C-alpha atoms as a PDB file:
ATOM      1  CA  UNK A   1       5.592   2.639 -27.042  1.00  0.00           C
ATOM      2  CA  UNK A   2       9.111   2.885 -28.404  1.00  0.00           C
ATOM      3  CA  UNK A   3       9.878   3.287 -32.128  1.00  0.00           C
ATOM      4  CA  UNK A   4      10.845  -0.389 -32.301  1.00  0.00           C
ATOM      5  CA  UNK A   5       7.558  -1.547 -30.791  1.00  0.00           C
ATOM      6  CA  UNK A   6       4.563  -1.895 -33.072  1.00  0.00           C
ATOM      7  CA  UNK A   7       0.918  -1.859 -32.064  1.00  0.00           C
ATOM      8  CA  UNK A   8      -1.357  -4.788 -32.795  1.00  0.00           C
ATOM      9  CA  UNK A   9      -5.105  -4.563 -32.917  1.00  0.00           C
ATOM     10  CA  UNK A  10      -7.898  -7.099 -33.159  1.00  0.00           C
ATOM     11  CA  UNK A  11     -11.651  -7.175 -32.953  1.00  0.00           C
ATOM     12  CA  UNK A  12     -13.781  -8.926 -30.377  1.00  0.00           C
ATOM     13  CA  UNK A  13     -17.340  -8.651 -29.172  1.00  0.00           C
ATOM     14  CA  UNK A  14     -18.352  -6.988 -25.903  1.00  0.00           C
ATOM     15  CA  UNK A  15     -18.614 -10.282 -24.000  1.00  0.00           C
ATOM     16  CA  UNK A  16     -15.109 -11.333 -25.096  1.00  0.00           C
ATOM     17  CA  UNK A  17     -13.736  -7.906 -24.230  1.00  0.00           C
ATOM     18  CA  UNK A  18     -15.209  -8.107 -20.723  1.00  0.00           C
ATOM     19  CA  UNK A  19     -13.778 -11.606 -20.207  1.00  0.00           C
ATOM     20  CA  UNK A  20     -10.315 -10.389 -21.222  1.00  0.00           C
ATOM     21  CA  UNK A  21     -10.628  -7.353 -18.950  1.00  0.00           C
ATOM     22  CA  UNK A  22     -11.611  -9.513 -15.946  1.00  0.00           C
ATOM     23  CA  UNK A  23      -8.860 -12.076 -16.547  1.00  0.00           C
ATOM     24  CA  UNK A  24      -6.217  -9.386 -17.005  1.00  0.00           C
ATOM     25  CA  UNK A  25      -7.313  -7.647 -13.821  1.00  0.00           C
ATOM     26  CA  UNK A  26      -7.348 -10.932 -11.900  1.00  0.00           C
ATOM     27  CA  UNK A  27      -3.777 -11.631 -12.997  1.00  0.00           C
ATOM     28  CA  UNK A  28      -2.616  -8.116 -12.101  1.00  0.00           C
ATOM     29  CA  UNK A  29      -1.679  -7.263 -15.683  1.00  0.00           C
ATOM     30  CA  UNK A  30      -2.768  -4.597 -18.116  1.00  0.00           C
ATOM     31  CA  UNK A  31      -4.982  -5.959 -20.881  1.00  0.00           C
ATOM     32  CA  UNK A  32      -2.342  -5.639 -23.603  1.00  0.00           C
ATOM     33  CA  UNK A  33       0.294  -7.424 -21.501  1.00  0.00           C
ATOM     34  CA  UNK A  34      -2.189 -10.168 -20.597  1.00  0.00           C
ATOM     35  CA  UNK A  35      -3.094 -10.736 -24.261  1.00  0.00           C
ATOM     36  CA  UNK A  36       0.586 -10.696 -25.289  1.00  0.00           C
ATOM     37  CA  UNK A  37       1.522 -13.272 -22.650  1.00  0.00           C
ATOM     38  CA  UNK A  38      -1.380 -15.525 -23.613  1.00  0.00           C
ATOM     39  CA  UNK A  39      -0.530 -15.237 -27.325  1.00  0.00           C
ATOM     40  CA  UNK A  40       3.085 -16.220 -26.594  1.00  0.00           C
ATOM     41  CA  UNK A  41       1.984 -19.315 -24.691  1.00  0.00           C
ATOM     42  CA  UNK A  42       2.226 -18.084 -21.108  1.00  0.00           C
ATOM     43  CA  UNK A  43      -0.634 -18.581 -18.692  1.00  0.00           C
ATOM     44  CA  UNK A  44      -0.610 -15.612 -16.284  1.00  0.00           C
ATOM     45  CA  UNK A  45      -1.608 -16.711 -12.825  1.00  0.00           C
ATOM     46  CA  UNK A  46      -4.849 -15.224 -11.580  1.00  0.00           C
ATOM     47  CA  UNK A  47      -4.814 -13.967  -8.029  1.00  0.00           C
ATOM     48  CA  UNK A  48      -7.418 -15.018  -5.541  1.00  0.00           C
ATOM     49  CA  UNK A  49      -8.685 -11.697  -4.191  1.00  0.00           C
ATOM     50  CA  UNK A  50     -10.584 -13.346  -1.335  1.00  0.00           C
ATOM     51  CA  UNK A  51      -7.450 -15.183  -0.222  1.00  0.00           C
ATOM     52  CA  UNK A  52      -5.462 -11.942  -0.272  1.00  0.00           C
ATOM     53  CA  UNK A  53      -8.133 -10.160   1.754  1.00  0.00           C
ATOM     54  CA  UNK A  54      -8.179 -12.944   4.359  1.00  0.00           C
ATOM     55  CA  UNK A  55      -4.386 -12.943   4.551  1.00  0.00           C
ATOM     56  CA  UNK A  56      -4.388  -9.154   4.833  1.00  0.00           C
ATOM     57  CA  UNK A  57      -6.868  -9.256   7.733  1.00  0.00           C
ATOM     58  CA  UNK A  58      -4.920 -11.968   9.548  1.00  0.00           C
ATOM     59  CA  UNK A  59      -1.636 -10.094   9.132  1.00  0.00           C
ATOM     60  CA  UNK A  60      -3.265  -6.979  10.561  1.00  0.00           C
ATOM     61  CA  UNK A  61      -4.310  -9.037  13.595  1.00  0.00           C
ATOM     62  CA  UNK A  62      -0.790 -10.447  13.954  1.00  0.00           C
ATOM     63  CA  UNK A  63       0.724  -6.973  14.149  1.00  0.00           C
ATOM     64  CA  UNK A  64      -1.004  -6.603  17.522  1.00  0.00           C
ATOM     65  CA  UNK A  65       1.044  -9.527  18.929  1.00  0.00           C
ATOM     66  CA  UNK A  66       4.439  -8.985  20.576  1.00  0.00           C
ATOM     67  CA  UNK A  67       7.094  -9.252  17.837  1.00  0.00           C
ATOM     68  CA  UNK A  68      10.686  -8.169  17.456  1.00  0.00           C
ATOM     69  CA  UNK A  69      11.075  -4.624  16.137  1.00  0.00           C
ATOM     70  CA  UNK A  70      12.645  -5.837  12.895  1.00  0.00           C
ATOM     71  CA  UNK A  71       9.939  -8.432  12.246  1.00  0.00           C
ATOM     72  CA  UNK A  72       7.195  -5.945  13.058  1.00  0.00           C
ATOM     73  CA  UNK A  73       8.663  -3.442  10.587  1.00  0.00           C
ATOM     74  CA  UNK A  74       8.913  -6.082   7.872  1.00  0.00           C
ATOM     75  CA  UNK A  75       5.407  -7.320   8.601  1.00  0.00           C
ATOM     76  CA  UNK A  76       4.039  -3.779   8.322  1.00  0.00           C
ATOM     77  CA  UNK A  77       5.832  -3.460   4.974  1.00  0.00           C
ATOM     78  CA  UNK A  78       4.253  -6.714   3.854  1.00  0.00           C
ATOM     79  CA  UNK A  79       0.795  -5.494   4.851  1.00  0.00           C
ATOM     80  CA  UNK A  80       1.350  -2.251   2.939  1.00  0.00           C
ATOM     81  CA  UNK A  81       2.434  -4.262  -0.097  1.00  0.00           C
ATOM     82  CA  UNK A  82      -0.636  -6.494   0.066  1.00  0.00           C
ATOM     83  CA  UNK A  83      -2.869  -3.446   0.390  1.00  0.00           C
ATOM     84  CA  UNK A  84      -1.230  -1.874  -2.659  1.00  0.00           C
ATOM     85  CA  UNK A  85      -1.632  -5.084  -4.649  1.00  0.00           C
ATOM     86  CA  UNK A  86      -5.295  -5.361  -3.732  1.00  0.00           C
ATOM     87  CA  UNK A  87      -6.249  -1.804  -4.547  1.00  0.00           C
ATOM     88  CA  UNK A  88      -3.715  -0.684  -7.163  1.00  0.00           C
ATOM     89  CA  UNK A  89      -3.249  -2.058 -10.669  1.00  0.00           C
ATOM     90  CA  UNK A  90       0.552  -2.524 -10.654  1.00  0.00           C
ATOM     91  CA  UNK A  91       1.693  -6.107 -10.061  1.00  0.00           C
ATOM     92  CA  UNK A  92       4.508  -6.564  -7.530  1.00  0.00           C
ATOM     93  CA  UNK A  93       8.105  -6.816  -8.641  1.00  0.00           C
ATOM     94  CA  UNK A  94      10.064 -10.032  -8.175  1.00  0.00           C
ATOM     95  CA  UNK A  95      12.110  -8.220  -5.510  1.00  0.00           C
ATOM     96  CA  UNK A  96       8.937  -7.307  -3.627  1.00  0.00           C
ATOM     97  CA  UNK A  97       7.706 -10.896  -3.796  1.00  0.00           C
ATOM     98  CA  UNK A  98      11.006 -12.131  -2.350  1.00  0.00           C
ATOM     99  CA  UNK A  99      10.846  -9.525   0.426  1.00  0.00           C
ATOM    100  CA  UNK A 100       7.306 -10.631   1.280  1.00  0.00           C
ATOM    101  CA  UNK A 101       8.369 -14.273   1.464  1.00  0.00           C
ATOM    102  CA  UNK A 102      11.299 -13.336   3.726  1.00  0.00           C
ATOM    103  CA  UNK A 103       9.024 -11.308   6.010  1.00  0.00           C
ATOM    104  CA  UNK A 104       6.729 -14.304   6.450  1.00  0.00           C
ATOM    105  CA  UNK A 105       9.685 -16.609   7.136  1.00  0.00           C
ATOM    106  CA  UNK A 106      10.956 -14.148   9.753  1.00  0.00           C
ATOM    107  CA  UNK A 107       7.532 -14.019  11.360  1.00  0.00           C
ATOM    108  CA  UNK A 108       7.297 -17.806  11.563  1.00  0.00           C
ATOM    109  CA  UNK A 109      10.805 -17.920  13.036  1.00  0.00           C
ATOM    110  CA  UNK A 110       9.758 -15.381  15.694  1.00  0.00           C
ATOM    111  CA  UNK A 111       6.622 -17.225  16.754  1.00  0.00           C
ATOM    112  CA  UNK A 112       8.443 -20.553  16.673  1.00  0.00           C
ATOM    113  CA  UNK A 113      10.827 -19.248  19.376  1.00  0.00           C
ATOM    114  CA  UNK A 114       7.985 -18.599  21.859  1.00  0.00           C
END
C-alpha cells in the first residue's frame, strides 16, 4: 500500500466473510479489490469454472488435430493461459484476453478452410 492509499476495515460475521471470499474468488479478484469494486458500483463478473474446464478439455483435444504451426502455437498459449486462470489467483490482463480471442478466431479461420 502506498503512502497515499489508506486502509479501510469493516466487521462482518463468518457467513458474510465466506460469501465475500467465494464471490471474490469466483470473479478472479482479491477480496479487497472485490469489495472496493462492489462499493464503487461495479459488478465484477463471476467466472464459470465448469465452463472453463470444459473449454480447456476441448482445446486440449483440438491440439491433436492438424493445424498450422502458428495456430497451434497460439492455441497452446491459450491453453496455458486457461490453465493458469483456473489454478492461479491472478486474473488475466486485458492484453491476454485479446490474445486469447485472437487465437480462437485464428483457429476458427483454420478449420473453416478445410
